[in-house]
Amino acid sequence: MAKYIKTDGSITEVHPANRKDFKLDELKKFVEGYIEIIPISVGEILVMNEEGKLLDLEFNSAASSMVENHIGLFDIIVGNVLLCKTEEVE
């Protein structure tokens, strides 16, 4: 089960439409644009908007903290993101 983390701090559990894996079009809808994938831990990824900073999307505090805590890298994550298992993305 994936978690949709919005810039307002809300986190919602979501499932792929086919109940198996998210397709590219679904991922693009969640992040509202082209996708970028960041490995967070073994078997877990963060899907975010590739052009988020260029588009001046809103800061996502929860996602930024997650990246820093899991991989020890401080980065400003912007826009809504999807946290999911690697196998949930085709």
C-alpha atoms as a PDB file:
ATOM      1  CA  MET A   1       0.000   0.000   0.000  1.00  0.00           C
ATOM      2  CA  ALA A   2       1.386   3.384  -1.017  1.00  0.00           C
ATOM      3  CA  LYS A   3       1.146   6.710   0.800  1.00  0.00           C
ATOM      4  CA  TYR A   4       0.211   9.918  -0.980  1.00  0.00           C
ATOM      5  CA  ILE A   5       1.934  12.762   0.862  1.00  0.00           C
ATOM      6  CA  LYS A   6       0.575  16.191   0.025  1.00  0.00           C
ATOM      7  CA  THR A   7       2.212  19.548   0.664  1.00  0.00           C
ATOM      8  CA  ASP A   8      -0.438  20.386   3.277  1.00  0.00           C
ATOM      9  CA  GLY A   9       0.912  17.532   5.420  1.00  0.00           C
ATOM     10  CA  SER A  10      -1.958  15.147   4.794  1.00  0.00           C
ATOM     11  CA  ILE A  11      -1.086  11.509   4.124  1.00  0.00           C
ATOM     12  CA  THR A  12      -3.525   9.179   2.400  1.00  0.00           C
ATOM     13  CA  GLU A  13      -3.138   5.467   1.725  1.00  0.00           C
ATOM     14  CA  VAL A  14      -3.683   4.710  -1.951  1.00  0.00           C
ATOM     15  CA  HIS A  15      -3.745   1.654  -4.193  1.00  0.00           C
ATOM     16  CA  PRO A  16      -2.963   1.234  -7.890  1.00  0.00           C
ATOM     17  CA  ALA A  17      -6.061   1.177 -10.082  1.00  0.00           C
ATOM     18  CA  ASN A  18      -5.320  -2.423 -11.071  1.00  0.00           C
ATOM     19  CA  ARG A  19      -4.481  -3.347  -7.412  1.00  0.00           C
ATOM     20  CA  LYS A  20      -1.027  -4.544  -8.506  1.00  0.00           C
ATOM     21  CA  ASP A  21       1.223  -1.720  -9.706  1.00  0.00           C
ATOM     22  CA  PHE A  22       1.030   1.956 -10.584  1.00  0.00           C
ATOM     23  CA  LYS A  23       1.244   2.807 -14.276  1.00  0.00           C
ATOM     24  CA  LEU A  24       3.028   5.901 -15.563  1.00  0.00           C
ATOM     25  CA  ASP A  25      -0.193   7.846 -16.144  1.00  0.00           C
ATOM     26  CA  GLU A  26      -1.295   7.233 -12.548  1.00  0.00           C
ATOM     27  CA  LEU A  27       2.056   8.386 -11.168  1.00  0.00           C
ATOM     28  CA  LYS A  28       1.956  11.539 -13.287  1.00  0.00           C
ATOM     29  CA  LYS A  29      -1.480  12.389 -11.889  1.00  0.00           C
ATOM     30  CA  PHE A  30      -0.305  12.017  -8.294  1.00  0.00           C
ATOM     31  CA  VAL A  31       2.706  14.314  -8.768  1.00  0.00           C
ATOM     32  CA  GLU A  32       1.006  16.553 -11.351  1.00  0.00           C
ATOM     33  CA  GLY A  33       3.703  16.237 -13.992  1.00  0.00           C
ATOM     34  CA  TYR A  34       6.732  14.262 -15.103  1.00  0.00           C
ATOM     35  CA  ILE A  35       7.987  11.799 -12.524  1.00  0.00           C
ATOM     36  CA  GLU A  36      11.315  11.438 -10.758  1.00  0.00           C
ATOM     37  CA  ILE A  37      12.023   8.438  -8.545  1.00  0.00           C
ATOM     38  CA  ILE A  38      14.265   8.588  -5.485  1.00  0.00           C
ATOM     39  CA  PRO A  39      15.211   5.372  -3.652  1.00  0.00           C
ATOM     40  CA  ILE A  40      14.450   5.850   0.057  1.00  0.00           C
ATOM     41  CA  SER A  41      15.348   2.430   1.460  1.00  0.00           C
ATOM     42  CA  VAL A  42      15.635  -1.127   0.231  1.00  0.00           C
ATOM     43  CA  GLY A  43      12.437  -1.759  -1.680  1.00  0.00           C
ATOM     44  CA  GLU A  44      10.923   1.682  -1.073  1.00  0.00           C
ATOM     45  CA  ILE A  45      10.842   4.703  -3.394  1.00  0.00           C
ATOM     46  CA  LEU A  46       9.588   8.254  -3.433  1.00  0.00           C
ATOM     47  CA  VAL A  47       7.911   9.409  -6.644  1.00  0.00           C
ATOM     48  CA  MET A  48       7.949  13.172  -7.120  1.00  0.00           C
ATOM     49  CA  ASN A  49       7.530  15.819  -9.814  1.00  0.00           C
ATOM     50  CA  GLU A  50      10.755  16.012 -11.825  1.00  0.00           C
ATOM     51  CA  GLU A  51      10.266  19.714 -12.568  1.00  0.00           C
ATOM     52  CA  GLY A  52       8.854  20.654  -9.173  1.00  0.00           C
ATOM     53  CA  LYS A  53      11.522  23.182  -8.276  1.00  0.00           C
ATOM     54  CA  LEU A  54      11.468  24.739 -11.742  1.00  0.00           C
ATOM     55  CA  LEU A  55       7.692  25.082 -11.491  1.00  0.00           C
ATOM     56  CA  ASP A  56       8.040  26.586  -8.006  1.00  0.00           C
ATOM     57  CA  LEU A  57       5.774  23.971  -6.420  1.00  0.00           C
ATOM     58  CA  GLU A  58       5.013  24.262  -2.727  1.00  0.00           C
ATOM     59  CA  PHE A  59       7.504  22.888  -0.167  1.00  0.00           C
ATOM     60  CA  ASN A  60       6.659  19.407   1.150  1.00  0.00           C
ATOM     61  CA  SER A  61       7.953  19.319   4.723  1.00  0.00           C
ATOM     62  CA  ALA A  62       6.944  15.716   5.436  1.00  0.00           C
ATOM     63  CA  ALA A  63       8.619  14.357   2.300  1.00  0.00           C
ATOM     64  CA  SER A  64      11.762  16.441   2.866  1.00  0.00           C
ATOM     65  CA  SER A  65      12.096  15.102   6.416  1.00  0.00           C
ATOM     66  CA  MET A  66      11.548  11.563   5.184  1.00  0.00           C
ATOM     67  CA  VAL A  67      14.359  11.833   2.646  1.00  0.00           C
ATOM     68  CA  GLU A  68      16.711  13.302   5.224  1.00  0.00           C
ATOM     69  CA  ASN A  69      15.866  10.645   7.838  1.00  0.00           C
ATOM     70  CA  HIS A  70      16.043   7.658   5.482  1.00  0.00           C
ATOM     71  CA  ILE A  71      19.042   8.445   3.306  1.00  0.00           C
ATOM     72  CA  GLY A  72      20.774  11.152   5.320  1.00  0.00           C
ATOM     73  CA  LEU A  73      20.599  13.621   2.470  1.00  0.00           C
ATOM     74  CA  PHE A  74      19.053  17.016   2.994  1.00  0.00           C
ATOM     75  CA  ASP A  75      17.060  18.113  -0.014  1.00  0.00           C
ATOM     76  CA  ILE A  76      14.051  20.324  -0.412  1.00  0.00           C
ATOM     77  CA  ILE A  77      11.201  18.226  -1.756  1.00  0.00           C
ATOM     78  CA  VAL A  78       8.387  20.152  -3.385  1.00  0.00           C
ATOM     79  CA  GLY A  79       4.953  19.175  -4.588  1.00  0.00           C
ATOM     80  CA  ASN A  80       2.836  16.168  -3.740  1.00  0.00           C
ATOM     81  CA  VAL A  81       4.681  12.847  -3.652  1.00  0.00           C
ATOM     82  CA  LEU A  82       3.955   9.141  -3.576  1.00  0.00           C
ATOM     83  CA  LEU A  83       5.836   6.816  -1.231  1.00  0.00           C
ATOM     84  CA  CYS A  84       5.575   3.214  -2.349  1.00  0.00           C
ATOM     85  CA  LYS A  85       7.320  -0.114  -2.682  1.00  0.00           C
ATOM     86  CA  THR A  86       9.568  -0.595  -5.676  1.00  0.00           C
ATOM     87  CA  GLU A  87       7.419  -3.451  -6.986  1.00  0.00           C
ATOM     88  CA  GLU A  88       4.332  -1.211  -6.947  1.00  0.00           C
ATOM     89  CA  VAL A  89       5.711   0.788  -9.895  1.00  0.00           C
ATOM     90  CA  GLU A  90       5.830  -0.622 -13.408  1.00  0.00           C
END
